[in-house]
């Protein structure tokens, strides 16, 4: 069904650029990271290694729940493959 709808990745909003800060909502949680909805039909990944500088995260569910608001830095965007990577830890100073 998504193939027949407009491709949200073809015309990304101007505020979605590498290095920019984005606010979104956790849409699902996987063992390797968080999927965050940052705009309509655009979901990005926060890899588990991009959550904290100092803490080793073994169970993401202890820190985040589906529906939680999240703020993160856009690390990379690949519209052709419909992928976006985010980093929560880059919002804080590196220790």
PDB file of N, CA and C in Angstrom:
ATOM      1  N   UNK A   1       0.817  -1.189   0.000  1.00  0.00           N
ATOM      2  CA  UNK A   1       0.000   0.000   0.000  1.00  0.00           C
ATOM      3  C   UNK A   1       0.868   1.263   0.000  1.00  0.00           C
ATOM      4  N   UNK A   2       1.985   1.215   0.743  1.00  0.00           N
ATOM      5  CA  UNK A   2       2.850   2.393   0.825  1.00  0.00           C
ATOM      6  C   UNK A   2       3.424   2.772  -0.538  1.00  0.00           C
ATOM      7  N   UNK A   3       3.582   1.801  -1.423  1.00  0.00           N
ATOM      8  CA  UNK A   3       4.146   2.089  -2.736  1.00  0.00           C
ATOM      9  C   UNK A   3       3.221   2.967  -3.570  1.00  0.00           C
ATOM     10  N   UNK A   4       1.930   2.942  -3.295  1.00  0.00           N
ATOM     11  CA  UNK A   4       0.972   3.736  -4.054  1.00  0.00           C
ATOM     12  C   UNK A   4       0.780   5.130  -3.487  1.00  0.00           C
ATOM     13  N   UNK A   5       1.181   5.333  -2.269  1.00  0.00           N
ATOM     14  CA  UNK A   5       1.072   6.646  -1.639  1.00  0.00           C
ATOM     15  C   UNK A   5       2.270   7.510  -2.001  1.00  0.00           C
ATOM     16  N   UNK A   6       2.179   8.795  -1.696  1.00  0.00           N
ATOM     17  CA  UNK A   6       3.303   9.689  -1.932  1.00  0.00           C
ATOM     18  C   UNK A   6       4.501   9.252  -1.104  1.00  0.00           C
ATOM     19  N   UNK A   7       5.685   9.370  -1.679  1.00  0.00           N
ATOM     20  CA  UNK A   7       6.919   8.993  -1.005  1.00  0.00           C
ATOM     21  C   UNK A   7       7.391  10.168  -0.150  1.00  0.00           C
ATOM     22  N   UNK A   8       7.268  10.040   1.161  1.00  0.00           N
ATOM     23  CA  UNK A   8       7.689  11.108   2.072  1.00  0.00           C
ATOM     24  C   UNK A   8       9.186  11.356   1.987  1.00  0.00           C
ATOM     25  N   UNK A   9       9.961  10.335   1.626  1.00  0.00           N
ATOM     26  CA  UNK A   9      11.410  10.467   1.544  1.00  0.00           C
ATOM     27  C   UNK A   9      11.849  11.272   0.316  1.00  0.00           C
ATOM     28  N   UNK A  10      11.003  11.371  -0.695  1.00  0.00           N
ATOM     29  CA  UNK A  10      11.363  12.100  -1.915  1.00  0.00           C
ATOM     30  C   UNK A  10      11.450  13.602  -1.662  1.00  0.00           C
ATOM     31  N   UNK A  11      10.659  14.096  -0.729  1.00  0.00           N
ATOM     32  CA  UNK A  11      10.683  15.525  -0.421  1.00  0.00           C
ATOM     33  C   UNK A  11      10.732  15.703   1.097  1.00  0.00           C
ATOM     34  N   UNK A  12      11.924  15.531   1.650  1.00  0.00           N
ATOM     35  CA  UNK A  12      12.105  15.675   3.098  1.00  0.00           C
ATOM     36  C   UNK A  12      11.907  17.133   3.514  1.00  0.00           C
ATOM     37  N   UNK A  13      11.312  17.359   4.667  1.00  0.00           N
ATOM     38  CA  UNK A  13      11.194  18.729   5.173  1.00  0.00           C
ATOM     39  C   UNK A  13      12.587  19.358   5.326  1.00  0.00           C
ATOM     40  N   UNK A  14      12.708  20.657   5.093  1.00  0.00           N
ATOM     41  CA  UNK A  14      14.026  21.317   5.147  1.00  0.00           C
ATOM     42  C   UNK A  14      14.709  21.246   6.510  1.00  0.00           C
ATOM     43  N   UNK A  15      13.929  21.095   7.588  1.00  0.00           N
ATOM     44  CA  UNK A  15      14.545  21.021   8.919  1.00  0.00           C
ATOM     45  C   UNK A  15      15.221  19.684   9.175  1.00  0.00           C
ATOM     46  N   UNK A  16      14.988  18.694   8.310  1.00  0.00           N
ATOM     47  CA  UNK A  16      15.639  17.390   8.456  1.00  0.00           C
ATOM     48  C   UNK A  16      16.917  17.377   7.633  1.00  0.00           C
ATOM     49  N   UNK A  17      18.024  17.746   8.280  1.00  0.00           N
ATOM     50  CA  UNK A  17      19.325  17.750   7.616  1.00  0.00           C
ATOM     51  C   UNK A  17      20.376  17.223   8.583  1.00  0.00           C
ATOM     52  N   UNK A  18      21.446  16.690   8.032  1.00  0.00           N
ATOM     53  CA  UNK A  18      22.514  16.120   8.850  1.00  0.00           C
ATOM     54  C   UNK A  18      23.082  17.190   9.773  1.00  0.00           C
ATOM     55  N   UNK A  19      23.197  16.836  11.057  1.00  0.00           N
ATOM     56  CA  UNK A  19      23.690  17.759  12.070  1.00  0.00           C
ATOM     57  C   UNK A  19      22.586  18.511  12.786  1.00  0.00           C
ATOM     58  N   UNK A  20      21.374  18.452  12.255  1.00  0.00           N
ATOM     59  CA  UNK A  20      20.246  19.135  12.873  1.00  0.00           C
ATOM     60  C   UNK A  20      19.672  18.325  14.028  1.00  0.00           C
ATOM     61  N   UNK A  21      18.973  19.005  14.907  1.00  0.00           N
ATOM     62  CA  UNK A  21      18.317  18.351  16.039  1.00  0.00           C
ATOM     63  C   UNK A  21      16.858  18.155  15.681  1.00  0.00           C
ATOM     64  N   UNK A  22      16.368  16.949  15.957  1.00  0.00           N
ATOM     65  CA  UNK A  22      14.996  16.603  15.615  1.00  0.00           C
ATOM     66  C   UNK A  22      14.290  16.040  16.843  1.00  0.00           C
ATOM     67  N   UNK A  23      12.994  16.314  16.930  1.00  0.00           N
ATOM     68  CA  UNK A  23      12.171  15.742  17.995  1.00  0.00           C
ATOM     69  C   UNK A  23      11.234  14.736  17.367  1.00  0.00           C
ATOM     70  N   UNK A  24      11.056  13.615  18.044  1.00  0.00           N
ATOM     71  CA  UNK A  24      10.180  12.583  17.529  1.00  0.00           C
ATOM     72  C   UNK A  24       9.602  11.748  18.649  1.00  0.00           C
ATOM     73  N   UNK A  25       8.962  10.647  18.257  1.00  0.00           N
ATOM     74  CA  UNK A  25       8.314   9.749  19.202  1.00  0.00           C
ATOM     75  C   UNK A  25       8.787   8.329  18.942  1.00  0.00           C
ATOM     76  N   UNK A  26       9.096   7.594  20.000  1.00  0.00           N
ATOM     77  CA  UNK A  26       9.517   6.199  19.860  1.00  0.00           C
ATOM     78  C   UNK A  26       8.339   5.406  19.301  1.00  0.00           C
ATOM     79  N   UNK A  27       8.550   4.793  18.123  1.00  0.00           N
ATOM     80  CA  UNK A  27       7.480   4.017  17.495  1.00  0.00           C
ATOM     81  C   UNK A  27       7.632   2.526  17.754  1.00  0.00           C
ATOM     82  N   UNK A  28       8.876   2.061  17.914  1.00  0.00           N
ATOM     83  CA  UNK A  28       9.106   0.666  18.293  1.00  0.00           C
ATOM     84  C   UNK A  28      10.504   0.521  18.869  1.00  0.00           C
ATOM     85  N   UNK A  29      10.696  -0.579  19.581  1.00  0.00           N
ATOM     86  CA  UNK A  29      11.971  -0.854  20.234  1.00  0.00           C
ATOM     87  C   UNK A  29      12.449  -2.227  19.791  1.00  0.00           C
ATOM     88  N   UNK A  30      13.720  -2.282  19.376  1.00  0.00           N
ATOM     89  CA  UNK A  30      14.346  -3.542  18.972  1.00  0.00           C
ATOM     90  C   UNK A  30      15.565  -3.763  19.866  1.00  0.00           C
ATOM     91  N   UNK A  31      16.105  -4.978  19.905  1.00  0.00           N
ATOM     92  CA  UNK A  31      17.285  -5.231  20.737  1.00  0.00           C
ATOM     93  C   UNK A  31      18.492  -4.368  20.356  1.00  0.00           C
ATOM     94  N   UNK A  32      18.517  -3.867  19.114  1.00  0.00           N
ATOM     95  CA  UNK A  32      19.664  -3.095  18.637  1.00  0.00           C
ATOM     96  C   UNK A  32      19.433  -1.591  18.643  1.00  0.00           C
ATOM     97  N   UNK A  33      18.232  -1.126  19.021  1.00  0.00           N
ATOM     98  CA  UNK A  33      18.006   0.302  19.061  1.00  0.00           C
ATOM     99  C   UNK A  33      16.544   0.700  19.065  1.00  0.00           C
ATOM    100  N   UNK A  34      16.332   2.013  18.882  1.00  0.00           N
ATOM    101  CA  UNK A  34      14.996   2.594  18.890  1.00  0.00           C
ATOM    102  C   UNK A  34      14.615   3.048  17.490  1.00  0.00           C
ATOM    103  N   UNK A  35      13.365   2.843  17.119  1.00  0.00           N
ATOM    104  CA  UNK A  35      12.845   3.424  15.898  1.00  0.00           C
ATOM    105  C   UNK A  35      12.005   4.617  16.309  1.00  0.00           C
ATOM    106  N   UNK A  36      12.325   5.779  15.721  1.00  0.00           N
ATOM    107  CA  UNK A  36      11.707   7.035  16.114  1.00  0.00           C
ATOM    108  C   UNK A  36      11.012   7.649  14.905  1.00  0.00           C
ATOM    109  N   UNK A  37       9.735   7.991  15.070  1.00  0.00           N
ATOM    110  CA  UNK A  37       9.003   8.688  14.027  1.00  0.00           C
ATOM    111  C   UNK A  37       9.328  10.168  14.151  1.00  0.00           C
ATOM    112  N   UNK A  38       9.982  10.732  13.113  1.00  0.00           N
ATOM    113  CA  UNK A  38      10.411  12.124  13.152  1.00  0.00           C
ATOM    114  C   UNK A  38       9.520  13.035  12.319  1.00  0.00           C
ATOM    115  N   UNK A  39       8.793  12.457  11.376  1.00  0.00           N
ATOM    116  CA  UNK A  39       7.837  13.192  10.544  1.00  0.00           C
ATOM    117  C   UNK A  39       6.843  12.172  10.009  1.00  0.00           C
ATOM    118  N   UNK A  40       5.804  12.637   9.351  1.00  0.00           N
ATOM    119  CA  UNK A  40       4.793  11.716   8.827  1.00  0.00           C
ATOM    120  C   UNK A  40       5.439  10.743   7.844  1.00  0.00           C
ATOM    121  N   UNK A  41       5.315   9.451   8.126  1.00  0.00           N
ATOM    122  CA  UNK A  41       5.855   8.364   7.293  1.00  0.00           C
ATOM    123  C   UNK A  41       7.378   8.318   7.240  1.00  0.00           C
ATOM    124  N   UNK A  42       8.069   9.018   8.141  1.00  0.00           N
ATOM    125  CA  UNK A  42       9.535   8.965   8.188  1.00  0.00           C
ATOM    126  C   UNK A  42       9.950   8.462   9.566  1.00  0.00           C
ATOM    127  N   UNK A  43      10.579   7.279   9.555  1.00  0.00           N
ATOM    128  CA  UNK A  43      11.038   6.638  10.787  1.00  0.00           C
ATOM    129  C   UNK A  43      12.554   6.519  10.720  1.00  0.00           C
ATOM    130  N   UNK A  44      13.222   6.885  11.799  1.00  0.00           N
ATOM    131  CA  UNK A  44      14.683   6.850  11.873  1.00  0.00           C
ATOM    132  C   UNK A  44      15.119   5.898  12.985  1.00  0.00           C
ATOM    133  N   UNK A  45      16.374   5.476  12.924  1.00  0.00           N
ATOM    134  CA  UNK A  45      16.932   4.544  13.902  1.00  0.00           C
ATOM    135  C   UNK A  45      17.935   5.240  14.810  1.00  0.00           C
ATOM    136  N   UNK A  46      17.783   5.011  16.104  1.00  0.00           N
ATOM    137  CA  UNK A  46      18.812   5.380  17.083  1.00  0.00           C
ATOM    138  C   UNK A  46      19.441   4.058  17.503  1.00  0.00           C
ATOM    139  N   UNK A  47      20.662   3.794  17.010  1.00  0.00           N
ATOM    140  CA  UNK A  47      21.342   2.547  17.366  1.00  0.00           C
ATOM    141  C   UNK A  47      21.654   2.562  18.852  1.00  0.00           C
ATOM    142  N   UNK A  48      21.688   1.398  19.450  1.00  0.00           N
ATOM    143  CA  UNK A  48      21.924   1.262  20.893  1.00  0.00           C
ATOM    144  C   UNK A  48      23.234   1.933  21.324  1.00  0.00           C
ATOM    145  N   UNK A  49      24.222   1.945  20.440  1.00  0.00           N
ATOM    146  CA  UNK A  49      25.510   2.571  20.767  1.00  0.00           C
ATOM    147  C   UNK A  49      25.436   4.099  20.741  1.00  0.00           C
ATOM    148  N   UNK A  50      24.347   4.659  20.225  1.00  0.00           N
ATOM    149  CA  UNK A  50      24.185   6.110  20.134  1.00  0.00           C
ATOM    150  C   UNK A  50      23.266   6.677  21.215  1.00  0.00           C
ATOM    151  N   UNK A  51      23.028   5.906  22.274  1.00  0.00           N
ATOM    152  CA  UNK A  51      22.136   6.365  23.340  1.00  0.00           C
ATOM    153  C   UNK A  51      22.905   7.048  24.469  1.00  0.00           C
ATOM    154  N   UNK A  52      24.054   6.494  24.873  1.00  0.00           N
ATOM    155  CA  UNK A  52      24.786   7.053  26.002  1.00  0.00           C
ATOM    156  C   UNK A  52      26.289   6.964  25.769  1.00  0.00           C
ATOM    157  N   UNK A  53      27.003   8.009  26.229  1.00  0.00           N
ATOM    158  CA  UNK A  53      28.469   8.003  26.142  1.00  0.00           C
ATOM    159  C   UNK A  53      29.073   7.066  27.187  1.00  0.00           C
ATOM    160  N   UNK A  54      28.496   7.055  28.376  1.00  0.00           N
ATOM    161  CA  UNK A  54      29.148   6.387  29.501  1.00  0.00           C
ATOM    162  C   UNK A  54      28.491   5.091  29.936  1.00  0.00           C
ATOM    163  N   UNK A  55      27.189   4.972  29.745  1.00  0.00           N
ATOM    164  CA  UNK A  55      26.481   3.785  30.214  1.00  0.00           C
ATOM    165  C   UNK A  55      26.408   2.725  29.132  1.00  0.00           C
ATOM    166  N   UNK A  56      26.582   1.483  29.525  1.00  0.00           N
ATOM    167  CA  UNK A  56      26.399   0.375  28.586  1.00  0.00           C
ATOM    168  C   UNK A  56      24.938  -0.059  28.691  1.00  0.00           C
ATOM    169  N   UNK A  57      24.208   0.164  27.614  1.00  0.00           N
ATOM    170  CA  UNK A  57      22.779  -0.134  27.597  1.00  0.00           C
ATOM    171  C   UNK A  57      22.582  -1.584  27.166  1.00  0.00           C
ATOM    172  N   UNK A  58      22.055  -2.406  28.049  1.00  0.00           N
ATOM    173  CA  UNK A  58      21.767  -3.796  27.723  1.00  0.00           C
ATOM    174  C   UNK A  58      20.273  -4.017  27.485  1.00  0.00           C
ATOM    175  N   UNK A  59      19.453  -3.271  28.210  1.00  0.00           N
ATOM    176  CA  UNK A  59      18.008  -3.406  28.081  1.00  0.00           C
ATOM    177  C   UNK A  59      17.415  -2.031  27.820  1.00  0.00           C
ATOM    178  N   UNK A  60      17.122  -1.745  26.559  1.00  0.00           N
ATOM    179  CA  UNK A  60      16.586  -0.437  26.173  1.00  0.00           C
ATOM    180  C   UNK A  60      15.241  -0.180  26.846  1.00  0.00           C
ATOM    181  N   UNK A  61      14.484  -1.231  27.075  1.00  0.00           N
ATOM    182  CA  UNK A  61      13.154  -1.086  27.671  1.00  0.00           C
ATOM    183  C   UNK A  61      13.185  -0.479  29.069  1.00  0.00           C
ATOM    184  N   UNK A  62      14.323  -0.516  29.743  1.00  0.00           N
ATOM    185  CA  UNK A  62      14.447   0.122  31.056  1.00  0.00           C
ATOM    186  C   UNK A  62      14.468   1.643  30.934  1.00  0.00           C
ATOM    187  N   UNK A  63      14.865   2.155  29.769  1.00  0.00           N
ATOM    188  CA  UNK A  63      15.033   3.583  29.573  1.00  0.00           C
ATOM    189  C   UNK A  63      13.939   4.228  28.730  1.00  0.00           C
ATOM    190  N   UNK A  64      13.399   3.483  27.767  1.00  0.00           N
ATOM    191  CA  UNK A  64      12.419   4.029  26.824  1.00  0.00           C
ATOM    192  C   UNK A  64      11.220   3.105  26.676  1.00  0.00           C
ATOM    193  N   UNK A  65      10.090   3.709  26.381  1.00  0.00           N
ATOM    194  CA  UNK A  65       8.848   2.992  26.097  1.00  0.00           C
ATOM    195  C   UNK A  65       8.290   3.519  24.779  1.00  0.00           C
ATOM    196  N   UNK A  66       7.496   2.720  24.101  1.00  0.00           N
ATOM    197  CA  UNK A  66       6.839   3.167  22.879  1.00  0.00           C
ATOM    198  C   UNK A  66       5.945   4.351  23.227  1.00  0.00           C
ATOM    199  N   UNK A  67       6.076   5.418  22.434  1.00  0.00           N
ATOM    200  CA  UNK A  67       5.307   6.634  22.675  1.00  0.00           C
ATOM    201  C   UNK A  67       6.083   7.728  23.381  1.00  0.00           C
ATOM    202  N   UNK A  68       7.258   7.399  23.931  1.00  0.00           N
ATOM    203  CA  UNK A  68       8.075   8.407  24.610  1.00  0.00           C
ATOM    204  C   UNK A  68       8.590   9.447  23.616  1.00  0.00           C
ATOM    205  N   UNK A  69       8.615  10.723  24.017  1.00  0.00           N
ATOM    206  CA  UNK A  69       9.227  11.739  23.166  1.00  0.00           C
ATOM    207  C   UNK A  69      10.749  11.621  23.223  1.00  0.00           C
ATOM    208  N   UNK A  70      11.398  11.870  22.091  1.00  0.00           N
ATOM    209  CA  UNK A  70      12.855  11.743  21.994  1.00  0.00           C
ATOM    210  C   UNK A  70      13.402  12.936  21.218  1.00  0.00           C
ATOM    211  N   UNK A  71      14.539  13.439  21.658  1.00  0.00           N
ATOM    212  CA  UNK A  71      15.246  14.481  20.931  1.00  0.00           C
ATOM    213  C   UNK A  71      16.617  13.918  20.568  1.00  0.00           C
ATOM    214  N   UNK A  72      17.039  14.113  19.304  1.00  0.00           N
ATOM    215  CA  UNK A  72      18.290  13.518  18.846  1.00  0.00           C
ATOM    216  C   UNK A  72      18.899  14.347  17.714  1.00  0.00           C
ATOM    217  N   UNK A  73      20.171  14.075  17.448  1.00  0.00           N
ATOM    218  CA  UNK A  73      20.904  14.703  16.352  1.00  0.00           C
ATOM    219  C   UNK A  73      20.849  13.772  15.145  1.00  0.00           C
ATOM    220  N   UNK A  74      20.629  14.329  13.960  1.00  0.00           N
ATOM    221  CA  UNK A  74      20.624  13.532  12.736  1.00  0.00           C
ATOM    222  C   UNK A  74      22.070  13.280  12.326  1.00  0.00           C
ATOM    223  N   UNK A  75      22.456  12.011  12.270  1.00  0.00           N
ATOM    224  CA  UNK A  75      23.823  11.621  11.935  1.00  0.00           C
ATOM    225  C   UNK A  75      23.968  11.382  10.436  1.00  0.00           C
ATOM    226  N   UNK A  76      22.989  10.716   9.829  1.00  0.00           N
ATOM    227  CA  UNK A  76      23.047  10.465   8.391  1.00  0.00           C
ATOM    228  C   UNK A  76      21.645  10.314   7.823  1.00  0.00           C
ATOM    229  N   UNK A  77      21.529  10.665   6.539  1.00  0.00           N
ATOM    230  CA  UNK A  77      20.268  10.517   5.822  1.00  0.00           C
ATOM    231  C   UNK A  77      20.560   9.859   4.484  1.00  0.00           C
ATOM    232  N   UNK A  78      19.788   8.818   4.157  1.00  0.00           N
ATOM    233  CA  UNK A  78      19.901   8.116   2.883  1.00  0.00           C
ATOM    234  C   UNK A  78      18.496   7.972   2.289  1.00  0.00           C
ATOM    235  N   UNK A  79      18.021   9.013   1.576  1.00  0.00           N
ATOM    236  CA  UNK A  79      16.656   8.976   1.052  1.00  0.00           C
ATOM    237  C   UNK A  79      16.425   7.849   0.047  1.00  0.00           C
ATOM    238  N   UNK A  80      17.439   7.481  -0.720  1.00  0.00           N
ATOM    239  CA  UNK A  80      17.274   6.427  -1.714  1.00  0.00           C
ATOM    240  C   UNK A  80      16.906   5.092  -1.067  1.00  0.00           C
ATOM    241  N   UNK A  81      17.488   4.815   0.090  1.00  0.00           N
ATOM    242  CA  UNK A  81      17.200   3.574   0.816  1.00  0.00           C
ATOM    243  C   UNK A  81      16.224   3.780   1.974  1.00  0.00           C
ATOM    244  N   UNK A  82      15.717   4.999   2.092  1.00  0.00           N
ATOM    245  CA  UNK A  82      14.758   5.368   3.142  1.00  0.00           C
ATOM    246  C   UNK A  82      15.296   5.062   4.545  1.00  0.00           C
ATOM    247  N   UNK A  83      16.506   5.588   4.803  1.00  0.00           N
ATOM    248  CA  UNK A  83      17.140   5.366   6.110  1.00  0.00           C
ATOM    249  C   UNK A  83      17.646   6.687   6.680  1.00  0.00           C
ATOM    250  N   UNK A  84      17.511   6.787   7.992  1.00  0.00           N
ATOM    251  CA  UNK A  84      18.038   7.942   8.707  1.00  0.00           C
ATOM    252  C   UNK A  84      18.573   7.443  10.042  1.00  0.00           C
ATOM    253  N   UNK A  85      19.765   7.894  10.404  1.00  0.00           N
ATOM    254  CA  UNK A  85      20.377   7.516  11.676  1.00  0.00           C
ATOM    255  C   UNK A  85      20.385   8.715  12.603  1.00  0.00           C
ATOM    256  N   UNK A  86      20.062   8.442  13.867  1.00  0.00           N
ATOM    257  CA  UNK A  86      20.027   9.487  14.885  1.00  0.00           C
ATOM    258  C   UNK A  86      20.965   9.146  16.034  1.00  0.00           C
ATOM    259  N   UNK A  87      21.327  10.160  16.810  1.00  0.00           N
ATOM    260  CA  UNK A  87      22.164   9.965  17.992  1.00  0.00           C
ATOM    261  C   UNK A  87      21.626  10.810  19.137  1.00  0.00           C
ATOM    262  N   UNK A  88      21.305  10.162  20.231  1.00  0.00           N
ATOM    263  CA  UNK A  88      20.869  10.865  21.432  1.00  0.00           C
ATOM    264  C   UNK A  88      22.078  11.376  22.206  1.00  0.00           C
ATOM    265  N   UNK A  89      23.137  10.584  22.233  1.00  0.00           N
ATOM    266  CA  UNK A  89      24.300  10.937  23.049  1.00  0.00           C
ATOM    267  C   UNK A  89      25.033  12.175  22.534  1.00  0.00           C
ATOM    268  N   UNK A  90      24.905  12.496  21.253  1.00  0.00           N
ATOM    269  CA  UNK A  90      25.588  13.657  20.713  1.00  0.00           C
ATOM    270  C   UNK A  90      24.965  14.987  21.135  1.00  0.00           C
ATOM    271  N   UNK A  91      23.843  14.922  21.833  1.00  0.00           N
ATOM    272  CA  UNK A  91      23.235  16.140  22.387  1.00  0.00           C
ATOM    273  C   UNK A  91      23.971  16.590  23.653  1.00  0.00           C
ATOM    274  N   UNK A  92      24.746  15.683  24.239  1.00  0.00           N
ATOM    275  CA  UNK A  92      25.495  16.013  25.451  1.00  0.00           C
ATOM    276  C   UNK A  92      26.980  16.091  25.123  1.00  0.00           C
ATOM    277  N   UNK A  93      27.715  16.741  25.989  1.00  0.00           N
ATOM    278  CA  UNK A  93      29.159  16.881  25.795  1.00  0.00           C
ATOM    279  C   UNK A  93      29.844  15.530  25.998  1.00  0.00           C
ATOM    280  N   UNK A  94      30.789  15.237  25.131  1.00  0.00           N
ATOM    281  CA  UNK A  94      31.534  13.995  25.234  1.00  0.00           C
ATOM    282  C   UNK A  94      32.439  14.039  26.472  1.00  0.00           C
ATOM    283  N   UNK A  95      32.364  13.007  27.311  1.00  0.00           N
ATOM    284  CA  UNK A  95      33.183  13.021  28.535  1.00  0.00           C
ATOM    285  C   UNK A  95      34.665  12.799  28.250  1.00  0.00           C
TER     286      UNK A  95
END
